[in-house]
Amino acid sequence: MILVYDTAVERNPKVLKTCRKYLHWTQRSVFQGELTTAQYRALMAALNTTIDPEYDSIVAYTTRSPDMIESTTLGVDLGGPGDIL
C-alpha cells in the first residue's frame, strides 16, 4: 500500500501520527507498507475520523502483488530504512 495525504496544517500532526502506527514514512506526506485487511480498515477508519472530508484529501494505492511494483527515487532519498513494497 502507498498512502499520500494533503490535509490542513492543523490536522497534519494527527494524520502523520496515525499513519506512522501502520506504515513506514517515505517522504513528507507519503507512507508505504504492507497491511492486512483488518489493519487497512482500522487505518482508514482512524483517518476518516481525523480529517475534514470537505477540505482534506487522502489517497491510498493498493496492489495485489508487491512483486509488480518498481520505485525510482530522484534527488534525496527521504524516509525509512528502505523500500517496503
C-alpha atoms as a PDB file:
ATOM      1  CA  MET A   1       0.000   0.000   0.000  1.00  0.00           C
ATOM      2  CA  ILE A   2       1.085   3.540  -0.715  1.00  0.00           C
ATOM      3  CA  LEU A   3      -0.762   6.334   1.072  1.00  0.00           C
ATOM      4  CA  VAL A   4      -0.465  10.039   0.333  1.00  0.00           C
ATOM      5  CA  TYR A   5      -2.239  12.861   2.088  1.00  0.00           C
ATOM      6  CA  ASP A   6      -2.860  16.569   1.760  1.00  0.00           C
ATOM      7  CA  THR A   7      -4.512  17.954   4.869  1.00  0.00           C
ATOM      8  CA  ALA A   8      -4.897  21.280   6.637  1.00  0.00           C
ATOM      9  CA  VAL A   9      -1.877  22.294   8.708  1.00  0.00           C
ATOM     10  CA  GLU A  10      -3.711  21.846  11.998  1.00  0.00           C
ATOM     11  CA  ARG A  11      -4.573  18.212  11.159  1.00  0.00           C
ATOM     12  CA  ASN A  12      -1.160  17.208   9.756  1.00  0.00           C
ATOM     13  CA  PRO A  13       0.315  16.045  13.103  1.00  0.00           C
ATOM     14  CA  LYS A  14      -2.656  13.781  13.882  1.00  0.00           C
ATOM     15  CA  VAL A  15      -2.687  12.269  10.368  1.00  0.00           C
ATOM     16  CA  LEU A  16       1.083  11.768  10.490  1.00  0.00           C
ATOM     17  CA  LYS A  17       0.903  10.033  13.877  1.00  0.00           C
ATOM     18  CA  THR A  18      -1.931   7.765  12.736  1.00  0.00           C
ATOM     19  CA  CYS A  19      -0.128   6.771   9.533  1.00  0.00           C
ATOM     20  CA  ARG A  20       3.100   6.009  11.421  1.00  0.00           C
ATOM     21  CA  LYS A  21       1.239   3.450  13.538  1.00  0.00           C
ATOM     22  CA  TYR A  22       0.566   1.350  10.430  1.00  0.00           C
ATOM     23  CA  LEU A  23       3.015   2.307   7.669  1.00  0.00           C
ATOM     24  CA  HIS A  24       6.580   3.431   7.052  1.00  0.00           C
ATOM     25  CA  TRP A  25       7.171   7.107   6.326  1.00  0.00           C
ATOM     26  CA  THR A  26       8.934   7.501   2.981  1.00  0.00           C
ATOM     27  CA  GLN A  27       8.558  11.144   2.029  1.00  0.00           C
ATOM     28  CA  ARG A  28       6.868  14.147   3.657  1.00  0.00           C
ATOM     29  CA  SER A  29       3.193  13.169   3.219  1.00  0.00           C
ATOM     30  CA  VAL A  30       3.830   9.707   1.760  1.00  0.00           C
ATOM     31  CA  PHE A  31       3.772   6.325   3.502  1.00  0.00           C
ATOM     32  CA  GLN A  32       4.162   2.760   2.297  1.00  0.00           C
ATOM     33  CA  GLY A  33       3.930  -0.724   3.678  1.00  0.00           C
ATOM     34  CA  GLU A  34       2.063  -3.997   3.760  1.00  0.00           C
ATOM     35  CA  LEU A  35      -1.163  -4.239   5.752  1.00  0.00           C
ATOM     36  CA  THR A  36      -3.641  -6.970   6.496  1.00  0.00           C
ATOM     37  CA  THR A  37      -7.254  -6.317   5.594  1.00  0.00           C
ATOM     38  CA  ALA A  38      -8.025  -5.611   9.254  1.00  0.00           C
ATOM     39  CA  GLN A  39      -5.118  -3.159   9.552  1.00  0.00           C
ATOM     40  CA  TYR A  40      -6.201  -1.400   6.358  1.00  0.00           C
ATOM     41  CA  ARG A  41      -9.744  -0.993   7.647  1.00  0.00           C
ATOM     42  CA  ALA A  42      -8.526   0.250  11.045  1.00  0.00           C
ATOM     43  CA  LEU A  43      -6.181   2.789   9.432  1.00  0.00           C
ATOM     44  CA  MET A  44      -8.827   4.124   7.072  1.00  0.00           C
ATOM     45  CA  ALA A  45     -11.407   4.349   9.885  1.00  0.00           C
ATOM     46  CA  ALA A  46      -8.957   6.254  12.103  1.00  0.00           C
ATOM     47  CA  LEU A  47      -8.063   8.652   9.296  1.00  0.00           C
ATOM     48  CA  ASN A  48     -11.711   9.157   8.384  1.00  0.00           C
ATOM     49  CA  THR A  49     -12.448  10.420  11.902  1.00  0.00           C
ATOM     50  CA  THR A  50      -9.410  12.733  11.798  1.00  0.00           C
ATOM     51  CA  ILE A  51      -9.857  14.582   8.518  1.00  0.00           C
ATOM     52  CA  ASP A  52     -12.340  17.146   7.267  1.00  0.00           C
ATOM     53  CA  PRO A  53     -13.806  15.415   4.188  1.00  0.00           C
ATOM     54  CA  GLU A  54     -14.791  18.793   2.742  1.00  0.00           C
ATOM     55  CA  TYR A  55     -11.158  20.025   2.700  1.00  0.00           C
ATOM     56  CA  ASP A  56      -8.610  17.238   3.219  1.00  0.00           C
ATOM     57  CA  SER A  57      -7.556  14.500   0.825  1.00  0.00           C
ATOM     58  CA  ILE A  58      -6.077  11.061   1.430  1.00  0.00           C
ATOM     59  CA  VAL A  59      -5.332   8.679  -1.435  1.00  0.00           C
ATOM     60  CA  ALA A  60      -4.494   5.019  -0.773  1.00  0.00           C
ATOM     61  CA  TYR A  61      -2.995   2.940  -3.567  1.00  0.00           C
ATOM     62  CA  THR A  62      -3.170  -0.813  -3.079  1.00  0.00           C
ATOM     63  CA  THR A  63      -1.751  -3.671  -5.095  1.00  0.00           C
ATOM     64  CA  ARG A  64      -2.326  -7.402  -5.051  1.00  0.00           C
ATOM     65  CA  SER A  65       1.336  -8.243  -5.637  1.00  0.00           C
ATOM     66  CA  PRO A  66       4.342  -6.384  -4.184  1.00  0.00           C
ATOM     67  CA  ASP A  67       6.491  -8.089  -6.826  1.00  0.00           C
ATOM     68  CA  MET A  68       4.948  -5.942  -9.545  1.00  0.00           C
ATOM     69  CA  ILE A  69       5.966  -2.565  -8.103  1.00  0.00           C
ATOM     70  CA  GLU A  70       9.101  -0.705  -9.057  1.00  0.00           C
ATOM     71  CA  SER A  71      10.220   2.524  -7.460  1.00  0.00           C
ATOM     72  CA  THR A  72      12.800   5.055  -8.548  1.00  0.00           C
ATOM     73  CA  THR A  73      13.993   7.984  -6.445  1.00  0.00           C
ATOM     74  CA  LEU A  74      15.394  11.170  -7.918  1.00  0.00           C
ATOM     75  CA  GLY A  75      17.165  13.504  -5.527  1.00  0.00           C
ATOM     76  CA  VAL A  76      17.291  12.973  -1.775  1.00  0.00           C
ATOM     77  CA  ASP A  77      16.078   9.590  -0.535  1.00  0.00           C
ATOM     78  CA  LEU A  78      13.853  10.574   2.413  1.00  0.00           C
ATOM     79  CA  GLY A  79      12.198   8.326   4.928  1.00  0.00           C
ATOM     80  CA  GLY A  80      12.714   4.960   6.464  1.00  0.00           C
ATOM     81  CA  PRO A  81      15.268   2.188   6.120  1.00  0.00           C
ATOM     82  CA  GLY A  82      14.364   1.239   2.550  1.00  0.00           C
ATOM     83  CA  ASP A  83      11.663   0.027   0.232  1.00  0.00           C
ATOM     84  CA  ILE A  84       8.807  -1.841   1.868  1.00  0.00           C
ATOM     85  CA  LEU A  85       6.943  -2.639  -1.320  1.00  0.00           C
END
